[in-house]
Amino acid sequence: MSTLTLTTWSLEMTSPDDLVPAVVPGSEITISRAEVPSPEFSRFLYASVGGDIHWTDRLSLTREEWVRQLGRPGVETWVAYDRGTPAGYVEFDPQDDGAVEIVYFGLLPDFRGRRIGGHLLSVGIARAWDLASRWPERDATKRVWLHTCSQDGPTAMDNYRRRGFRLFHTETESKADTPTPGPWPGA
């Protein structure tokens, strides 16, 4: 099996004032929260968005593991729709120290390059900052952070920086080049 060099960048915002919202791409694009946790829908989004960019860490999870992850207080999934069709999503997970991690973000392949990603990320960041208004048991958000890597889409890092994220850590490692099934199996 071949190996590849993977670089992972961690980025953060420490104030809601850091957010630089993207232009709204058009009235046909809507973004709403998936208020009812659905392992099937979340797995569809995960496999469909990440299938061609090597997202594999959740593919082996059981339905029960998906239920546990999605059912934790403050875990939210926000979905972009193009005239009713899912176009992409952002999922975040709050931590106990007032940090909210954007754990997954991306668009299905057919929706990339249409300026939807900047808008979806802007909405996701804003909702991460006001998370405690929907989850009173959670601490107020003090920091929003994420990581991206050299296997993510070619515009990911630029989008994060344009929205106001700042780099705080870089890590490089060698890892096995694991083929991904693409968006179809399990989608």
N, C-alpha and C. Protein backbone atom coordinates (compact mmCIF):
# COMPACT_ATOMS: atom_id res chain seq x y z
N MET A 1 0.84 -1.17 0.00
CA MET A 1 0.00 0.00 0.00
C MET A 1 0.89 1.24 0.00
N SER A 2 0.50 2.21 -0.78
CA SER A 2 1.30 3.43 -0.87
C SER A 2 0.97 4.37 0.29
N THR A 3 1.88 5.29 0.54
CA THR A 3 1.66 6.29 1.59
C THR A 3 1.62 7.67 0.96
N LEU A 4 1.09 8.59 1.71
CA LEU A 4 1.06 9.97 1.26
C LEU A 4 1.40 10.87 2.43
N THR A 5 1.82 12.07 2.10
CA THR A 5 2.11 13.06 3.12
C THR A 5 0.85 13.90 3.31
N LEU A 6 0.36 13.92 4.54
CA LEU A 6 -0.86 14.64 4.86
C LEU A 6 -0.51 15.82 5.77
N THR A 7 -0.90 17.00 5.34
CA THR A 7 -0.73 18.19 6.16
C THR A 7 -2.09 18.60 6.69
N THR A 8 -2.17 18.83 8.00
CA THR A 8 -3.41 19.25 8.64
C THR A 8 -3.19 20.63 9.24
N TRP A 9 -4.10 21.54 8.92
CA TRP A 9 -4.05 22.90 9.44
C TRP A 9 -5.22 23.12 10.38
N SER A 10 -4.98 23.67 11.56
CA SER A 10 -6.04 24.02 12.50
C SER A 10 -6.20 25.53 12.49
N LEU A 11 -7.45 25.96 12.40
CA LEU A 11 -7.76 27.38 12.31
C LEU A 11 -8.80 27.74 13.36
N GLU A 12 -8.84 29.01 13.76
CA GLU A 12 -9.79 29.43 14.79
C GLU A 12 -10.26 30.86 14.60
N MET A 13 -11.38 31.14 15.26
CA MET A 13 -11.91 32.48 15.47
C MET A 13 -12.10 32.62 16.97
N THR A 14 -11.79 33.78 17.51
CA THR A 14 -11.94 33.98 18.95
C THR A 14 -12.97 35.04 19.28
N SER A 15 -13.67 35.53 18.28
CA SER A 15 -14.73 36.52 18.49
C SER A 15 -15.73 36.42 17.35
N PRO A 16 -17.01 36.62 17.63
CA PRO A 16 -17.97 36.63 16.52
C PRO A 16 -17.70 37.77 15.55
N ASP A 17 -17.01 38.81 16.01
CA ASP A 17 -16.67 39.93 15.13
C ASP A 17 -15.64 39.54 14.07
N ASP A 18 -14.97 38.39 14.24
CA ASP A 18 -14.00 37.92 13.25
C ASP A 18 -14.67 37.44 11.96
N LEU A 19 -15.94 37.07 12.04
CA LEU A 19 -16.64 36.51 10.88
C LEU A 19 -16.82 37.56 9.78
N VAL A 20 -16.37 37.19 8.58
CA VAL A 20 -16.58 38.00 7.38
C VAL A 20 -17.53 37.20 6.50
N PRO A 21 -18.84 37.53 6.56
CA PRO A 21 -19.82 36.72 5.82
C PRO A 21 -19.61 36.78 4.31
N ALA A 22 -19.90 35.68 3.67
CA ALA A 22 -19.85 35.61 2.21
C ALA A 22 -21.15 36.19 1.64
N VAL A 23 -21.11 36.49 0.38
CA VAL A 23 -22.28 36.96 -0.33
C VAL A 23 -23.27 35.80 -0.44
N VAL A 24 -24.55 36.10 -0.26
CA VAL A 24 -25.60 35.08 -0.41
C VAL A 24 -25.70 34.77 -1.91
N PRO A 25 -25.60 33.48 -2.30
CA PRO A 25 -25.52 33.15 -3.72
C PRO A 25 -26.81 33.32 -4.52
N GLY A 26 -27.97 33.34 -3.88
CA GLY A 26 -29.23 33.49 -4.60
C GLY A 26 -30.37 32.95 -3.78
N SER A 27 -31.57 33.37 -4.10
CA SER A 27 -32.74 33.01 -3.31
C SER A 27 -33.09 31.53 -3.40
N GLU A 28 -32.54 30.83 -4.40
CA GLU A 28 -32.84 29.40 -4.52
C GLU A 28 -32.07 28.57 -3.50
N ILE A 29 -31.08 29.17 -2.83
CA ILE A 29 -30.29 28.47 -1.82
C ILE A 29 -30.85 28.80 -0.44
N THR A 30 -31.23 27.77 0.30
CA THR A 30 -31.70 27.95 1.67
C THR A 30 -30.84 27.09 2.59
N ILE A 31 -30.75 27.52 3.84
CA ILE A 31 -29.98 26.77 4.83
C ILE A 31 -30.84 26.60 6.06
N SER A 32 -30.97 25.37 6.52
CA SER A 32 -31.77 25.13 7.72
C SER A 32 -31.12 24.05 8.57
N ARG A 33 -31.46 24.10 9.84
CA ARG A 33 -30.94 23.13 10.79
C ARG A 33 -31.73 21.84 10.71
N ALA A 34 -31.04 20.72 10.69
CA ALA A 34 -31.68 19.42 10.79
C ALA A 34 -31.96 19.19 12.27
N GLU A 35 -33.13 19.59 12.72
CA GLU A 35 -33.43 19.58 14.15
C GLU A 35 -33.68 18.20 14.72
N VAL A 36 -34.06 17.26 13.89
CA VAL A 36 -34.27 15.89 14.33
C VAL A 36 -33.04 15.09 13.92
N PRO A 37 -32.21 14.66 14.87
CA PRO A 37 -31.02 13.88 14.50
C PRO A 37 -31.41 12.62 13.73
N SER A 38 -30.80 12.44 12.57
CA SER A 38 -31.08 11.28 11.72
C SER A 38 -29.77 10.66 11.28
N PRO A 39 -29.42 9.48 11.82
CA PRO A 39 -28.18 8.83 11.40
C PRO A 39 -28.14 8.57 9.89
N GLU A 40 -29.27 8.19 9.33
CA GLU A 40 -29.30 7.89 7.89
C GLU A 40 -29.01 9.14 7.06
N PHE A 41 -29.65 10.25 7.41
CA PHE A 41 -29.44 11.48 6.66
C PHE A 41 -28.01 11.99 6.85
N SER A 42 -27.52 11.93 8.09
CA SER A 42 -26.17 12.40 8.35
C SER A 42 -25.13 11.54 7.63
N ARG A 43 -25.37 10.22 7.59
CA ARG A 43 -24.42 9.36 6.87
C ARG A 43 -24.48 9.64 5.38
N PHE A 44 -25.68 9.90 4.86
CA PHE A 44 -25.81 10.28 3.45
C PHE A 44 -24.98 11.54 3.17
N LEU A 45 -25.13 12.56 4.00
CA LEU A 45 -24.37 13.80 3.80
C LEU A 45 -22.87 13.54 3.87
N TYR A 46 -22.45 12.82 4.91
CA TYR A 46 -21.04 12.52 5.11
C TYR A 46 -20.46 11.78 3.90
N ALA A 47 -21.10 10.70 3.48
CA ALA A 47 -20.59 9.90 2.37
C ALA A 47 -20.65 10.65 1.05
N SER A 48 -21.69 11.45 0.85
CA SER A 48 -21.85 12.15 -0.41
C SER A 48 -20.90 13.33 -0.55
N VAL A 49 -20.67 14.05 0.55
CA VAL A 49 -19.74 15.18 0.52
C VAL A 49 -18.30 14.69 0.53
N GLY A 50 -18.01 13.71 1.36
CA GLY A 50 -16.62 13.30 1.57
C GLY A 50 -16.12 12.14 0.74
N GLY A 51 -16.98 11.55 -0.05
CA GLY A 51 -16.59 10.35 -0.78
C GLY A 51 -15.43 10.53 -1.73
N ASP A 52 -15.33 11.69 -2.35
CA ASP A 52 -14.24 11.90 -3.32
C ASP A 52 -13.05 12.66 -2.72
N ILE A 53 -13.13 12.99 -1.42
CA ILE A 53 -12.01 13.70 -0.78
C ILE A 53 -11.51 12.95 0.45
N HIS A 54 -11.68 11.64 0.42
CA HIS A 54 -11.06 10.73 1.39
C HIS A 54 -11.59 10.84 2.81
N TRP A 55 -12.87 11.14 2.99
CA TRP A 55 -13.44 11.07 4.33
C TRP A 55 -13.76 9.61 4.59
N THR A 56 -13.10 9.01 5.57
CA THR A 56 -13.33 7.60 5.86
C THR A 56 -13.57 7.33 7.34
N ASP A 57 -13.29 8.28 8.22
CA ASP A 57 -13.32 8.00 9.66
C ASP A 57 -14.69 7.58 10.18
N ARG A 58 -15.77 7.99 9.55
CA ARG A 58 -17.10 7.62 10.03
C ARG A 58 -17.76 6.49 9.24
N LEU A 59 -17.14 6.04 8.19
CA LEU A 59 -17.80 5.04 7.35
C LEU A 59 -18.07 3.73 8.07
N SER A 60 -17.26 3.39 9.05
CA SER A 60 -17.44 2.11 9.74
C SER A 60 -18.32 2.23 10.99
N LEU A 61 -18.82 3.41 11.30
CA LEU A 61 -19.65 3.57 12.50
C LEU A 61 -20.97 2.81 12.35
N THR A 62 -21.41 2.23 13.44
CA THR A 62 -22.72 1.59 13.46
C THR A 62 -23.81 2.66 13.58
N ARG A 63 -25.03 2.27 13.33
CA ARG A 63 -26.15 3.20 13.49
C ARG A 63 -26.19 3.72 14.92
N GLU A 64 -25.95 2.86 15.90
CA GLU A 64 -25.98 3.27 17.31
C GLU A 64 -24.90 4.32 17.60
N GLU A 65 -23.73 4.15 17.00
CA GLU A 65 -22.65 5.14 17.19
C GLU A 65 -23.03 6.48 16.57
N TRP A 66 -23.68 6.45 15.41
CA TRP A 66 -24.19 7.70 14.81
C TRP A 66 -25.21 8.35 15.75
N VAL A 67 -26.13 7.56 16.29
CA VAL A 67 -27.16 8.09 17.19
C VAL A 67 -26.50 8.76 18.39
N ARG A 68 -25.52 8.11 18.99
CA ARG A 68 -24.83 8.70 20.16
C ARG A 68 -24.15 10.02 19.81
N GLN A 69 -23.44 10.04 18.69
CA GLN A 69 -22.73 11.26 18.29
C GLN A 69 -23.71 12.40 18.02
N LEU A 70 -24.74 12.14 17.24
CA LEU A 70 -25.68 13.19 16.84
C LEU A 70 -26.58 13.63 17.99
N GLY A 71 -26.78 12.78 18.97
CA GLY A 71 -27.68 13.09 20.08
C GLY A 71 -27.05 13.84 21.23
N ARG A 72 -25.76 14.13 21.16
CA ARG A 72 -25.10 14.86 22.24
C ARG A 72 -25.58 16.30 22.25
N PRO A 73 -25.82 16.89 23.42
CA PRO A 73 -26.32 18.27 23.50
C PRO A 73 -25.39 19.26 22.79
N GLY A 74 -25.96 20.00 21.87
CA GLY A 74 -25.22 21.02 21.15
C GLY A 74 -24.67 20.59 19.82
N VAL A 75 -24.65 19.29 19.52
CA VAL A 75 -24.22 18.85 18.20
C VAL A 75 -25.32 19.26 17.22
N GLU A 76 -24.93 19.98 16.20
CA GLU A 76 -25.92 20.45 15.22
C GLU A 76 -25.42 20.23 13.80
N THR A 77 -26.39 20.00 12.92
CA THR A 77 -26.13 19.87 11.49
C THR A 77 -26.99 20.91 10.77
N TRP A 78 -26.34 21.75 9.98
CA TRP A 78 -27.02 22.76 9.17
C TRP A 78 -26.82 22.37 7.71
N VAL A 79 -27.92 22.34 6.96
CA VAL A 79 -27.89 21.82 5.59
C VAL A 79 -28.25 22.91 4.61
N ALA A 80 -27.45 23.03 3.55
CA ALA A 80 -27.76 23.93 2.43
C ALA A 80 -28.57 23.13 1.41
N TYR A 81 -29.61 23.77 0.91
CA TYR A 81 -30.47 23.18 -0.11
C TYR A 81 -30.52 24.09 -1.33
N ASP A 82 -30.50 23.47 -2.49
CA ASP A 82 -30.73 24.19 -3.74
C ASP A 82 -32.08 23.74 -4.25
N ARG A 83 -33.08 24.59 -4.07
CA ARG A 83 -34.45 24.30 -4.49
C ARG A 83 -34.93 22.95 -3.97
N GLY A 84 -34.63 22.67 -2.70
CA GLY A 84 -35.11 21.46 -2.04
C GLY A 84 -34.17 20.28 -2.07
N THR A 85 -33.09 20.37 -2.82
CA THR A 85 -32.12 19.28 -2.92
C THR A 85 -30.93 19.57 -2.01
N PRO A 86 -30.54 18.61 -1.14
CA PRO A 86 -29.37 18.85 -0.29
C PRO A 86 -28.13 19.15 -1.14
N ALA A 87 -27.44 20.25 -0.81
CA ALA A 87 -26.26 20.67 -1.55
C ALA A 87 -24.99 20.52 -0.72
N GLY A 88 -25.10 20.55 0.60
CA GLY A 88 -23.94 20.45 1.47
C GLY A 88 -24.36 20.62 2.91
N TYR A 89 -23.38 20.55 3.80
CA TYR A 89 -23.71 20.66 5.21
C TYR A 89 -22.52 21.12 6.03
N VAL A 90 -22.84 21.58 7.23
CA VAL A 90 -21.84 21.89 8.25
C VAL A 90 -22.34 21.26 9.54
N GLU A 91 -21.45 20.54 10.21
CA GLU A 91 -21.78 19.91 11.49
C GLU A 91 -20.80 20.42 12.53
N PHE A 92 -21.31 20.84 13.67
CA PHE A 92 -20.39 21.24 14.72
C PHE A 92 -20.70 20.56 16.03
N ASP A 93 -19.65 20.55 16.87
CA ASP A 93 -19.66 19.81 18.12
C ASP A 93 -19.05 20.69 19.20
N PRO A 94 -19.85 21.09 20.18
CA PRO A 94 -19.30 21.95 21.25
C PRO A 94 -18.48 21.14 22.24
N GLN A 95 -17.46 21.79 22.78
CA GLN A 95 -16.64 21.20 23.83
C GLN A 95 -16.94 21.90 25.15
N ASP A 96 -16.48 21.32 26.23
CA ASP A 96 -16.81 21.85 27.56
C ASP A 96 -16.18 23.18 27.88
N ASP A 97 -15.17 23.61 27.15
CA ASP A 97 -14.47 24.85 27.48
C ASP A 97 -14.99 26.06 26.73
N GLY A 98 -16.18 25.97 26.14
CA GLY A 98 -16.74 27.08 25.38
C GLY A 98 -16.27 27.11 23.93
N ALA A 99 -15.52 26.11 23.52
CA ALA A 99 -15.10 26.01 22.12
C ALA A 99 -16.15 25.21 21.35
N VAL A 100 -16.34 25.58 20.10
CA VAL A 100 -17.21 24.82 19.21
C VAL A 100 -16.37 24.44 18.00
N GLU A 101 -16.27 23.14 17.76
CA GLU A 101 -15.50 22.66 16.62
C GLU A 101 -16.43 22.40 15.44
N ILE A 102 -16.07 22.95 14.29
CA ILE A 102 -16.74 22.57 13.05
C ILE A 102 -16.06 21.28 12.62
N VAL A 103 -16.77 20.16 12.80
CA VAL A 103 -16.15 18.86 12.57
C VAL A 103 -16.26 18.42 11.11
N TYR A 104 -17.33 18.83 10.43
CA TYR A 104 -17.50 18.50 9.02
C TYR A 104 -18.13 19.68 8.31
N PHE A 105 -17.64 19.93 7.12
CA PHE A 105 -18.17 21.00 6.29
C PHE A 105 -17.85 20.68 4.84
N GLY A 106 -18.82 20.81 3.97
CA GLY A 106 -18.53 20.62 2.56
C GLY A 106 -19.78 20.54 1.73
N LEU A 107 -19.56 20.46 0.43
CA LEU A 107 -20.64 20.41 -0.55
C LEU A 107 -20.58 19.12 -1.34
N LEU A 108 -21.73 18.64 -1.78
CA LEU A 108 -21.77 17.53 -2.71
C LEU A 108 -21.10 17.99 -4.01
N PRO A 109 -20.43 17.09 -4.73
CA PRO A 109 -19.63 17.49 -5.89
C PRO A 109 -20.36 18.37 -6.90
N ASP A 110 -21.61 18.09 -7.22
CA ASP A 110 -22.32 18.88 -8.23
C ASP A 110 -22.63 20.31 -7.81
N PHE A 111 -22.44 20.62 -6.53
CA PHE A 111 -22.78 21.96 -6.03
C PHE A 111 -21.53 22.81 -5.74
N ARG A 112 -20.38 22.25 -5.97
CA ARG A 112 -19.13 22.98 -5.74
C ARG A 112 -18.91 24.00 -6.85
N GLY A 113 -18.23 25.09 -6.50
CA GLY A 113 -17.91 26.11 -7.49
C GLY A 113 -19.05 27.05 -7.81
N ARG A 114 -20.09 27.06 -6.98
CA ARG A 114 -21.26 27.91 -7.24
C ARG A 114 -21.47 28.95 -6.14
N ARG A 115 -20.46 29.15 -5.30
CA ARG A 115 -20.47 30.16 -4.23
C ARG A 115 -21.42 29.79 -3.08
N ILE A 116 -21.84 28.53 -3.02
CA ILE A 116 -22.70 28.06 -1.94
C ILE A 116 -21.88 27.84 -0.67
N GLY A 117 -20.65 27.35 -0.83
CA GLY A 117 -19.82 26.99 0.31
C GLY A 117 -19.51 28.16 1.24
N GLY A 118 -19.19 29.32 0.69
CA GLY A 118 -18.91 30.49 1.53
C GLY A 118 -20.12 30.90 2.33
N HIS A 119 -21.28 30.85 1.70
CA HIS A 119 -22.53 31.21 2.38
C HIS A 119 -22.86 30.20 3.47
N LEU A 120 -22.76 28.91 3.16
CA LEU A 120 -23.04 27.86 4.14
C LEU A 120 -22.08 27.97 5.32
N LEU A 121 -20.80 28.19 5.04
CA LEU A 121 -19.83 28.33 6.12
C LEU A 121 -20.15 29.55 6.98
N SER A 122 -20.52 30.66 6.36
CA SER A 122 -20.88 31.88 7.11
C SER A 122 -22.04 31.62 8.06
N VAL A 123 -23.07 30.97 7.57
CA VAL A 123 -24.23 30.66 8.41
C VAL A 123 -23.82 29.70 9.52
N GLY A 124 -23.04 28.69 9.19
CA GLY A 124 -22.58 27.73 10.19
C GLY A 124 -21.78 28.39 11.30
N ILE A 125 -20.88 29.27 10.93
CA ILE A 125 -20.07 29.97 11.93
C ILE A 125 -20.96 30.83 12.83
N ALA A 126 -21.88 31.56 12.23
CA ALA A 126 -22.79 32.40 13.03
C ALA A 126 -23.60 31.55 13.99
N ARG A 127 -24.05 30.38 13.55
CA ARG A 127 -24.83 29.50 14.43
C ARG A 127 -23.94 28.87 15.50
N ALA A 128 -22.69 28.65 15.22
CA ALA A 128 -21.77 28.16 16.26
C ALA A 128 -21.59 29.21 17.35
N TRP A 129 -21.52 30.49 16.94
CA TRP A 129 -21.35 31.56 17.94
C TRP A 129 -22.60 31.72 18.81
N ASP A 130 -23.80 31.47 18.26
CA ASP A 130 -25.01 31.65 19.09
C ASP A 130 -25.60 30.32 19.57
N LEU A 131 -24.76 29.29 19.62
CA LEU A 131 -25.20 27.95 20.03
C LEU A 131 -25.90 27.94 21.38
N ALA A 132 -25.39 28.67 22.36
CA ALA A 132 -25.97 28.65 23.71
C ALA A 132 -27.40 29.18 23.73
N SER A 133 -27.79 29.96 22.74
CA SER A 133 -29.18 30.44 22.70
C SER A 133 -30.15 29.30 22.40
N ARG A 134 -29.67 28.24 21.76
CA ARG A 134 -30.50 27.07 21.47
C ARG A 134 -30.27 25.95 22.47
N TRP A 135 -29.13 25.97 23.15
CA TRP A 135 -28.75 24.94 24.11
C TRP A 135 -28.33 25.62 25.41
N PRO A 136 -29.27 26.04 26.25
CA PRO A 136 -28.93 26.79 27.46
C PRO A 136 -28.00 26.05 28.41
N GLU A 137 -27.94 24.73 28.32
CA GLU A 137 -27.04 23.97 29.18
C GLU A 137 -25.58 24.06 28.72
N ARG A 138 -25.35 24.61 27.54
CA ARG A 138 -23.99 24.78 27.02
C ARG A 138 -23.46 26.15 27.42
N ASP A 139 -22.15 26.22 27.63
CA ASP A 139 -21.50 27.51 27.89
C ASP A 139 -21.57 28.38 26.64
N ALA A 140 -21.51 29.68 26.84
CA ALA A 140 -21.43 30.61 25.71
C ALA A 140 -20.17 30.30 24.89
N THR A 141 -20.28 30.43 23.60
CA THR A 141 -19.15 30.13 22.73
C THR A 141 -18.07 31.20 22.89
N LYS A 142 -16.84 30.73 23.11
CA LYS A 142 -15.69 31.63 23.24
C LYS A 142 -14.73 31.49 22.07
N ARG A 143 -14.88 30.39 21.33
CA ARG A 143 -13.95 30.10 20.24
C ARG A 143 -14.63 29.14 19.27
N VAL A 144 -14.46 29.38 17.99
CA VAL A 144 -14.92 28.46 16.95
C VAL A 144 -13.68 28.02 16.19
N TRP A 145 -13.53 26.71 16.03
CA TRP A 145 -12.33 26.23 15.36
C TRP A 145 -12.64 25.06 14.45
N LEU A 146 -11.68 24.72 13.60
CA LEU A 146 -11.81 23.60 12.67
C LEU A 146 -10.43 23.19 12.23
N HIS A 147 -10.39 22.08 11.55
CA HIS A 147 -9.15 21.70 10.88
C HIS A 147 -9.49 21.30 9.45
N THR A 148 -8.54 21.52 8.59
CA THR A 148 -8.65 21.12 7.19
C THR A 148 -7.33 20.45 6.83
N CYS A 149 -7.32 19.73 5.75
CA CYS A 149 -6.08 19.02 5.41
C CYS A 149 -5.83 19.07 3.92
N SER A 150 -4.67 18.58 3.55
CA SER A 150 -4.25 18.62 2.15
C SER A 150 -5.09 17.71 1.25
N GLN A 151 -5.95 16.88 1.82
CA GLN A 151 -6.86 16.07 1.01
C GLN A 151 -8.20 16.75 0.77
N ASP A 152 -8.47 17.84 1.49
CA ASP A 152 -9.73 18.55 1.28
C ASP A 152 -9.72 19.26 -0.07
N GLY A 153 -10.87 19.82 -0.41
CA GLY A 153 -11.00 20.50 -1.70
C GLY A 153 -10.00 21.63 -1.85
N PRO A 154 -9.67 21.99 -3.08
CA PRO A 154 -8.63 22.99 -3.33
C PRO A 154 -8.99 24.40 -2.86
N THR A 155 -10.26 24.68 -2.64
CA THR A 155 -10.65 26.03 -2.20
C THR A 155 -10.98 26.11 -0.71
N ALA A 156 -10.85 24.99 0.00
CA ALA A 156 -11.25 24.96 1.41
C ALA A 156 -10.49 25.98 2.25
N MET A 157 -9.17 25.96 2.20
CA MET A 157 -8.38 26.86 3.04
C MET A 157 -8.69 28.32 2.71
N ASP A 158 -8.79 28.66 1.44
CA ASP A 158 -9.11 30.05 1.07
C ASP A 158 -10.46 30.47 1.62
N ASN A 159 -11.44 29.59 1.56
CA ASN A 159 -12.77 29.90 2.09
C ASN A 159 -12.69 30.16 3.60
N TYR A 160 -11.99 29.31 4.32
CA TYR A 160 -11.87 29.50 5.77
C TYR A 160 -11.20 30.83 6.10
N ARG A 161 -10.15 31.14 5.40
CA ARG A 161 -9.45 32.41 5.68
C ARG A 161 -10.30 33.61 5.29
N ARG A 162 -11.00 33.54 4.18
CA ARG A 162 -11.88 34.66 3.78
C ARG A 162 -13.00 34.89 4.79
N ARG A 163 -13.42 33.86 5.48
CA ARG A 163 -14.48 34.01 6.49
C ARG A 163 -13.92 34.57 7.79
N GLY A 164 -12.59 34.62 7.96
CA GLY A 164 -11.99 35.22 9.14
C GLY A 164 -11.22 34.28 10.04
N PHE A 165 -11.11 33.01 9.67
CA PHE A 165 -10.33 32.07 10.48
C PHE A 165 -8.84 32.39 10.39
N ARG A 166 -8.13 32.15 11.49
CA ARG A 166 -6.68 32.31 11.56
C ARG A 166 -6.03 30.97 11.88
N LEU A 167 -4.92 30.71 11.23
CA LEU A 167 -4.15 29.49 11.45
C LEU A 167 -3.51 29.52 12.83
N PHE A 168 -3.62 28.41 13.59
CA PHE A 168 -2.93 28.34 14.87
C PHE A 168 -2.06 27.09 15.03
N HIS A 169 -2.17 26.12 14.11
CA HIS A 169 -1.34 24.92 14.24
C HIS A 169 -1.27 24.21 12.89
N THR A 170 -0.09 23.67 12.58
CA THR A 170 0.12 22.87 11.37
C THR A 170 0.83 21.59 11.76
N GLU A 171 0.39 20.49 11.18
CA GLU A 171 0.98 19.19 11.47
C GLU A 171 1.10 18.41 10.16
N THR A 172 2.22 17.73 9.98
CA THR A 172 2.44 16.92 8.78
C THR A 172 2.77 15.50 9.21
N GLU A 173 2.18 14.53 8.52
CA GLU A 173 2.41 13.12 8.84
C GLU A 173 2.33 12.29 7.56
N SER A 174 2.90 11.10 7.62
CA SER A 174 2.74 10.14 6.53
C SER A 174 1.61 9.20 6.93
N LYS A 175 0.77 8.87 5.97
CA LYS A 175 -0.31 7.93 6.26
C LYS A 175 -0.58 7.08 5.04
N ALA A 176 -1.21 5.94 5.30
CA ALA A 176 -1.55 5.04 4.20
C ALA A 176 -2.55 5.73 3.28
N ASP A 177 -2.34 5.57 2.00
CA ASP A 177 -3.26 6.12 1.00
C ASP A 177 -4.41 5.15 0.85
N THR A 178 -5.47 5.40 1.61
CA THR A 178 -6.62 4.52 1.64
C THR A 178 -7.63 4.96 0.58
N PRO A 179 -7.99 4.08 -0.34
CA PRO A 179 -9.00 4.47 -1.32
C PRO A 179 -10.35 4.65 -0.65
N THR A 180 -11.12 5.59 -1.12
CA THR A 180 -12.47 5.78 -0.61
C THR A 180 -13.45 5.28 -1.67
N PRO A 181 -14.63 4.88 -1.22
CA PRO A 181 -15.58 4.29 -2.15
C PRO A 181 -16.28 5.31 -3.04
N GLY A 182 -16.01 6.60 -2.83
CA GLY A 182 -16.76 7.61 -3.57
C GLY A 182 -18.08 7.83 -2.88
N PRO A 183 -18.90 8.68 -3.42
CA PRO A 183 -20.14 9.02 -2.72
C PRO A 183 -21.25 7.97 -2.81
N TRP A 184 -21.11 6.94 -3.62
CA TRP A 184 -22.24 6.05 -3.84
C TRP A 184 -22.49 5.01 -2.77
N PRO A 185 -21.53 4.21 -2.34
CA PRO A 185 -21.87 3.18 -1.34
C PRO A 185 -22.41 3.81 -0.04
N GLY A 186 -23.57 3.42 0.34
CA GLY A 186 -24.15 3.90 1.58
C GLY A 186 -24.77 5.28 1.49
N ALA A 187 -24.68 5.91 0.35
CA ALA A 187 -25.19 7.29 0.24
C ALA A 187 -26.70 7.30 0.10
